[in-house]
Protein backbone atom coordinates (compact mmCIF):
# COMPACT_ATOMS: atom_id res chain seq x y z
CA MET A 1 -0.96 -13.44 -18.30
CA ALA A 2 0.46 -10.44 -16.48
CA SER A 3 -1.64 -7.87 -14.71
CA GLN A 4 -1.76 -4.58 -16.63
CA HIS A 5 -2.07 -2.30 -13.61
CA GLU A 6 0.36 -1.36 -10.89
CA PRO A 7 -0.53 -3.58 -7.91
CA THR A 8 -1.92 -2.00 -4.77
CA GLY A 9 -2.47 -5.20 -2.80
CA LEU A 10 -3.22 -8.87 -3.07
CA ILE A 11 -5.84 -9.86 -5.65
CA ALA A 12 -6.28 -13.62 -5.17
CA THR A 13 -8.39 -15.33 -2.54
CA SER A 14 -7.30 -18.92 -3.18
CA GLY A 15 -4.29 -20.86 -4.38
CA LEU A 16 -0.84 -19.32 -4.56
CA GLU A 17 -0.08 -15.69 -5.34
CA LEU A 18 3.42 -14.56 -6.35
CA LEU A 19 4.55 -10.96 -6.32
CA THR A 20 7.49 -10.94 -8.68
CA ALA A 21 9.58 -9.24 -11.36
CA GLY A 22 11.78 -10.37 -14.24
CA THR A 23 14.98 -10.84 -12.24
CA PRO A 24 17.05 -13.89 -11.29
CA ASN A 25 15.39 -13.98 -7.88
CA GLY A 26 11.97 -13.81 -9.46
CA TRP A 27 12.69 -16.43 -12.12
CA LYS A 28 13.79 -19.03 -9.60
CA ILE A 29 10.25 -19.06 -8.22
CA THR A 30 8.33 -18.77 -11.50
CA ALA A 31 10.43 -21.59 -12.97
CA LEU A 32 9.68 -23.89 -10.05
CA LEU A 33 5.98 -23.00 -10.02
CA GLU A 34 5.67 -23.74 -13.72
CA GLU A 35 7.50 -27.05 -13.28
CA LEU A 36 5.25 -28.02 -10.38
CA LYS A 37 2.17 -27.11 -12.38
CA ALA A 38 3.38 -29.16 -15.34
CA HIS A 39 4.08 -32.22 -13.20
CA TYR A 40 1.16 -32.20 -10.79
CA GLY A 41 -1.44 -30.67 -13.08
CA THR A 42 -3.43 -27.48 -12.56
CA SER A 43 -5.57 -24.96 -14.39
CA SER A 44 -4.05 -22.26 -16.59
CA THR A 45 -2.18 -19.46 -14.87
CA THR A 46 -4.37 -16.48 -14.12
CA SER A 47 -3.80 -12.91 -13.03
CA THR A 48 -7.25 -12.56 -11.48
CA GLY A 49 -7.30 -15.31 -8.88
CA SER A 50 -9.91 -17.45 -10.64
CA THR A 51 -10.54 -20.95 -9.39
CA GLY A 52 -8.43 -23.69 -10.94
CA SER A 53 -8.96 -27.43 -11.33
CA THR A 54 -7.81 -30.16 -8.96
CA GLY A 55 -4.12 -30.90 -8.61
CA PHE A 56 -1.55 -28.19 -8.02
CA PRO A 57 -3.21 -24.95 -6.82
CA GLN A 58 -3.93 -22.21 -9.30
CA VAL A 59 -1.20 -19.59 -9.43
CA THR A 60 -1.78 -15.85 -9.58
CA TYR A 61 1.19 -13.78 -10.73
CA GLN A 62 1.35 -10.09 -9.94
CA PRO A 63 4.18 -8.23 -11.71
CA ILE A 64 5.91 -5.71 -9.46
CA ASP A 65 7.63 -2.74 -11.09
CA ILE A 66 10.69 -2.47 -8.93
CA MET A 67 11.76 0.70 -10.77
CA GLN A 68 8.62 2.38 -9.38
CA ASN A 69 9.42 1.12 -5.86
CA THR A 70 6.10 -0.67 -5.56
CA GLN A 71 7.93 -3.14 -3.31
CA LYS A 72 8.50 -0.34 -0.80
CA GLN A 73 4.81 0.45 -0.35
CA PRO A 74 3.26 -0.37 3.05
CA TRP A 75 1.00 -3.13 1.73
CA PHE A 76 4.05 -4.88 0.28
CA THR A 77 6.37 -4.44 3.26
CA ALA A 78 3.62 -5.87 5.46
CA LEU A 79 4.28 -9.11 3.53
CA ASN A 80 8.05 -8.68 3.26
CA PRO A 81 9.66 -6.24 5.69
CA ASN A 82 12.76 -6.19 3.48
CA GLY A 83 10.86 -4.64 0.57
CA ARG A 84 12.16 -7.01 -2.10
CA ILE A 85 10.68 -9.43 -4.60
CA PRO A 86 9.69 -12.21 -4.72
CA VAL A 87 6.98 -12.81 -2.16
CA LEU A 88 4.77 -15.90 -2.17
CA VAL A 89 1.38 -15.78 -0.47
CA ASP A 90 -0.28 -19.13 0.19
CA HIS A 91 -4.01 -18.47 0.38
CA ALA A 92 -4.65 -22.17 0.98
CA ARG A 93 -2.81 -21.82 4.28
CA GLY A 94 -4.53 -18.71 5.58
CA GLY A 95 -2.59 -16.21 3.49
CA PHE A 96 0.79 -17.26 4.86
CA ALA A 97 3.51 -15.11 3.25
CA VAL A 98 7.04 -16.26 2.45
CA PHE A 99 9.87 -13.97 1.35
CA GLU A 100 13.46 -14.60 0.20
CA GLY A 101 13.93 -16.79 -2.86
CA SER A 102 15.71 -19.63 -1.10
CA ALA A 103 13.04 -19.81 1.59
CA ILE A 104 10.30 -19.83 -1.05
CA LEU A 105 11.98 -22.68 -2.93
CA ALA A 106 12.17 -24.68 0.30
CA TYR A 107 8.55 -23.86 1.19
CA LEU A 108 7.22 -24.97 -2.19
CA ALA A 109 9.28 -28.15 -2.06
CA ARG A 110 8.07 -28.96 1.44
CA HIS A 111 4.36 -28.28 0.87
CA TYR A 112 3.81 -28.82 -2.86
CA ASP A 113 6.32 -31.38 -4.11
CA PRO A 114 5.17 -34.52 -2.25
CA ASP A 115 6.77 -36.83 -4.83
CA HIS A 116 10.14 -35.04 -4.45
CA VAL A 117 10.32 -34.55 -8.21
CA PHE A 118 12.29 -31.31 -7.84
CA SER A 119 13.54 -31.83 -4.30
CA PHE A 120 14.81 -34.55 -1.98
CA PRO A 121 13.49 -36.21 1.18
CA ALA A 122 14.66 -34.33 4.26
CA ASP A 123 16.39 -37.37 5.79
CA THR A 124 18.71 -37.92 2.80
CA ASP A 125 22.20 -36.68 2.08
CA ASP A 126 20.96 -35.39 -1.28
CA PHE A 127 18.69 -33.00 0.62
CA SER A 128 21.74 -31.62 2.43
CA VAL A 129 23.74 -31.36 -0.81
CA ALA A 130 20.95 -29.39 -2.48
CA GLU A 131 20.62 -27.21 0.61
CA GLN A 132 24.35 -26.44 0.55
CA TRP A 133 24.34 -25.38 -3.09
CA ILE A 134 21.26 -23.22 -2.59
CA ALA A 135 23.02 -21.56 0.35
CA TRP A 136 26.10 -21.10 -1.86
CA GLN A 137 23.99 -19.29 -4.43
CA HIS A 138 22.09 -17.25 -1.87
CA GLY A 139 25.18 -16.09 -0.01
CA GLY A 140 27.73 -16.00 -2.84
CA LEU A 141 26.79 -16.06 -6.49
CA GLY A 142 23.68 -13.89 -6.21
CA PRO A 143 25.15 -11.09 -4.07
CA MET A 144 28.49 -10.99 -5.90
CA GLN A 145 26.97 -11.03 -9.37
CA GLY A 146 24.39 -8.48 -8.26
CA GLN A 147 27.21 -6.12 -7.32
CA ALA A 148 28.94 -6.86 -10.62
CA ASN A 149 25.74 -5.90 -12.43
CA HIS A 150 25.60 -2.62 -10.56
CA PHE A 151 29.19 -1.45 -10.85
CA PHE A 152 29.95 -2.82 -14.32
CA ARG A 153 26.67 -2.08 -16.06
CA PHE A 154 24.43 0.39 -14.24
CA ALA A 155 26.46 2.69 -11.97
CA LYS A 156 26.85 6.15 -13.49
CA GLU A 157 30.41 6.38 -12.22
CA LYS A 158 32.60 3.56 -13.55
CA ILE A 159 35.02 2.80 -10.73
CA PRO A 160 37.72 0.25 -11.69
CA TYR A 161 38.27 -1.39 -8.32
CA PRO A 162 34.71 -2.65 -7.61
CA ILE A 163 34.28 -3.55 -11.28
CA GLN A 164 37.21 -5.97 -11.28
CA ARG A 165 36.49 -7.06 -7.72
CA TYR A 166 32.90 -8.18 -8.26
CA VAL A 167 33.24 -9.42 -11.83
CA GLY A 168 36.31 -11.35 -10.74
CA GLU A 169 34.54 -12.88 -7.74
CA SER A 170 31.62 -13.85 -9.97
CA GLU A 171 34.06 -15.58 -12.31
CA ARG A 172 35.62 -17.43 -9.38
CA LEU A 173 32.20 -18.67 -8.30
CA TYR A 174 31.28 -19.79 -11.80
CA GLY A 175 34.55 -21.71 -11.83
CA ILE A 176 33.35 -23.62 -8.77
CA LEU A 177 30.04 -24.38 -10.45
CA ASP A 178 31.82 -25.41 -13.66
CA ALA A 179 33.96 -27.87 -11.72
CA ARG A 180 30.89 -29.29 -10.01
CA LEU A 181 29.28 -29.90 -13.40
CA ARG A 182 32.36 -31.46 -14.98
CA ASP A 183 30.96 -34.98 -14.67
CA ARG A 184 27.37 -34.16 -13.77
CA ASP A 185 24.25 -33.00 -15.61
CA TYR A 186 22.76 -31.30 -12.55
CA VAL A 187 24.06 -29.86 -9.31
CA ALA A 188 22.51 -32.28 -6.80
CA GLY A 189 21.24 -35.84 -6.74
CA PRO A 190 22.78 -39.29 -7.18
CA GLY A 191 24.90 -40.23 -10.17
CA ARG A 192 24.87 -37.42 -12.70
CA GLY A 193 22.21 -35.69 -10.62
CA LYS A 194 18.61 -34.70 -11.23
CA TYR A 195 17.01 -31.37 -12.07
CA SER A 196 16.04 -29.82 -8.76
CA ILE A 197 15.61 -26.63 -6.79
CA ALA A 198 19.41 -26.51 -6.46
CA ASP A 199 19.66 -25.90 -10.22
CA ILE A 200 16.64 -23.62 -10.31
CA ALA A 201 18.18 -21.38 -7.65
CA MET A 202 21.13 -20.58 -9.93
CA LEU A 203 19.67 -20.53 -13.42
CA GLY A 204 18.50 -16.94 -13.46
CA TRP A 205 21.93 -15.63 -12.54
CA ALA A 206 23.68 -17.73 -15.17
CA ASN A 207 21.14 -16.55 -17.73
CA ILE A 208 22.25 -12.92 -17.30
CA ALA A 209 25.96 -13.53 -16.72
CA LEU A 210 26.93 -11.51 -19.80
CA LEU A 211 25.15 -8.47 -18.37
CA SER A 212 27.49 -8.77 -15.38
CA GLY A 213 30.64 -8.92 -17.49
CA VAL A 214 31.04 -12.71 -17.20
CA ASN A 215 31.52 -14.50 -20.52
CA LEU A 216 30.40 -18.06 -19.79
CA ASP A 217 31.26 -19.22 -23.31
CA ALA A 218 34.88 -18.23 -22.90
CA LEU A 219 35.59 -19.86 -19.54
CA PHE A 220 32.86 -22.21 -18.36
CA PRO A 221 31.75 -24.83 -20.93
CA ASN A 222 30.12 -27.07 -18.33
CA VAL A 223 28.01 -24.20 -17.05
CA VAL A 224 26.95 -23.35 -20.61
CA ALA A 225 25.90 -26.93 -21.31
CA TRP A 226 24.00 -27.09 -18.01
CA LEU A 227 22.26 -23.78 -18.66
CA ASP A 228 21.18 -24.89 -22.14
CA ARG A 229 20.00 -28.22 -20.75
CA CYS A 230 17.87 -26.60 -18.05
CA LEU A 231 16.40 -23.85 -20.23
CA ALA A 232 15.38 -26.44 -22.82
CA ARG A 233 12.74 -27.66 -20.37
CA PRO A 234 9.38 -26.23 -21.54
CA ALA A 235 8.07 -25.46 -18.06
CA THR A 236 11.29 -23.77 -16.97
CA LYS A 237 11.33 -21.78 -20.20
CA ALA A 238 7.75 -20.71 -19.49
CA GLY A 239 8.80 -19.61 -16.01
CA PHE A 240 11.52 -17.43 -17.47
CA ALA A 241 8.91 -15.62 -19.56
CA ILE A 242 7.01 -14.48 -16.43
CA PRO A 243 6.17 -11.66 -16.15
CA ALA A 244 7.87 -11.06 -19.53
CA VAL A 245 10.81 -12.34 -21.56
CA SER A 246 13.94 -10.55 -20.37
CA SER A 247 15.89 -8.18 -22.61
CA PHE A 248 18.92 -8.76 -20.37
CA SER A 249 19.42 -12.49 -20.99
CA ASN A 250 22.67 -13.70 -22.52
CA ASP A 251 20.90 -14.52 -25.81
CA ALA A 252 19.12 -11.16 -25.93
CA LEU A 253 22.33 -9.22 -25.33
CA ARG A 254 24.20 -11.22 -27.97
CA ALA A 255 21.43 -10.53 -30.48
CA LYS A 256 21.56 -6.80 -29.76
CA ILE A 257 25.33 -6.72 -30.21
CA ARG A 258 25.08 -8.72 -33.42
CA ASP A 259 22.29 -6.70 -34.99
CA ASP A 260 22.83 -3.14 -33.76
CA PRO A 261 26.10 -1.27 -34.47
CA GLU A 262 25.48 1.09 -31.56
CA GLU A 263 25.05 -1.83 -29.19
CA LYS A 264 28.24 -3.34 -30.58
CA ARG A 265 30.08 -0.09 -29.87
CA LYS A 266 28.77 0.00 -26.30
CA ALA A 267 29.72 -3.64 -25.77
CA ASP A 268 33.26 -2.99 -27.00
CA GLU A 269 33.55 -0.04 -24.61
CA SER A 270 32.35 -2.18 -21.72
CA THR A 271 34.81 -4.94 -22.59
CA LYS A 272 37.69 -2.47 -22.64
CA LEU A 273 36.52 -0.96 -19.35
CA LEU A 274 36.60 -4.38 -17.72
CA GLU A 275 39.96 -5.33 -19.24
CA ASP A 276 41.52 -2.05 -18.10
CA ALA A 277 40.11 -2.45 -14.59
CA LYS A 278 41.53 -5.97 -14.34
CA ALA A 279 44.90 -4.83 -15.64
CA GLN A 280 45.03 -1.90 -13.22
CA TYR A 281 44.68 -4.22 -10.22
CA ASN A 282 46.60 -7.18 -11.71
CA TYR A 283 43.52 -9.40 -11.68
CA LYS A 284 44.12 -12.98 -12.80
CA TYR A 285 41.28 -15.50 -12.95
CA THR A 286 41.66 -18.33 -10.47
CA SER A 287 39.11 -20.73 -9.08
CA PRO A 288 39.62 -23.84 -6.95
């Protein structure tokens, strides 16, 4: 359950507290937390910091309205100097705060996944493989697709060069992921792989690819199959509904376009904008 007020500070005194929003960086943590809860067992999620049962610590979620710049307030920047979500506060370890999604994934795996269900032992090559793909997401897919979101969808001035530049780079990166998944079910792990924090790091971005101008269905069938496979997991699906189900997901955008003529008109305009930008700069999709 989400808090109904705008946060002004931490509210829990035990367990784990996550300051988050419905974005790809937020979902990577809520998905992992829900998976850990489902595997290790815990009480129901609360928004008041109530005491949970034995097993995985109780989790308190505080929604942060990033449009109101709550994440820039002094109490928040004392936890994360960068003023971004998500932030995890571990009350069981003296209120230790962790920021940056990749660091939070690693922290939760290290301290709260003792069976390595969603991670790998640190002395294995699989650990390194997962680490590499998480770094790839953190330094490549996330930043590039984030810029694609901005210039293609939200910037008031539609400038062709950055539109084709960032959408094109996002497509190139999805091509790399698609090739990785050609003969695998998951990004890391032996054989066809296992569902892990390497997958969880990327899921949120793939789930809003259409918002960024990237049509996964048209170019990346392996990514589509992987995304469907991962989002079919009940705990991961629950994580993607925290703090609320997104209206920007691929499925939500397709439904809007299908059911609303005005949304269909806007989508057609956006498609033409992207096509014209690519043509202007002779963009051709390539990916190693």
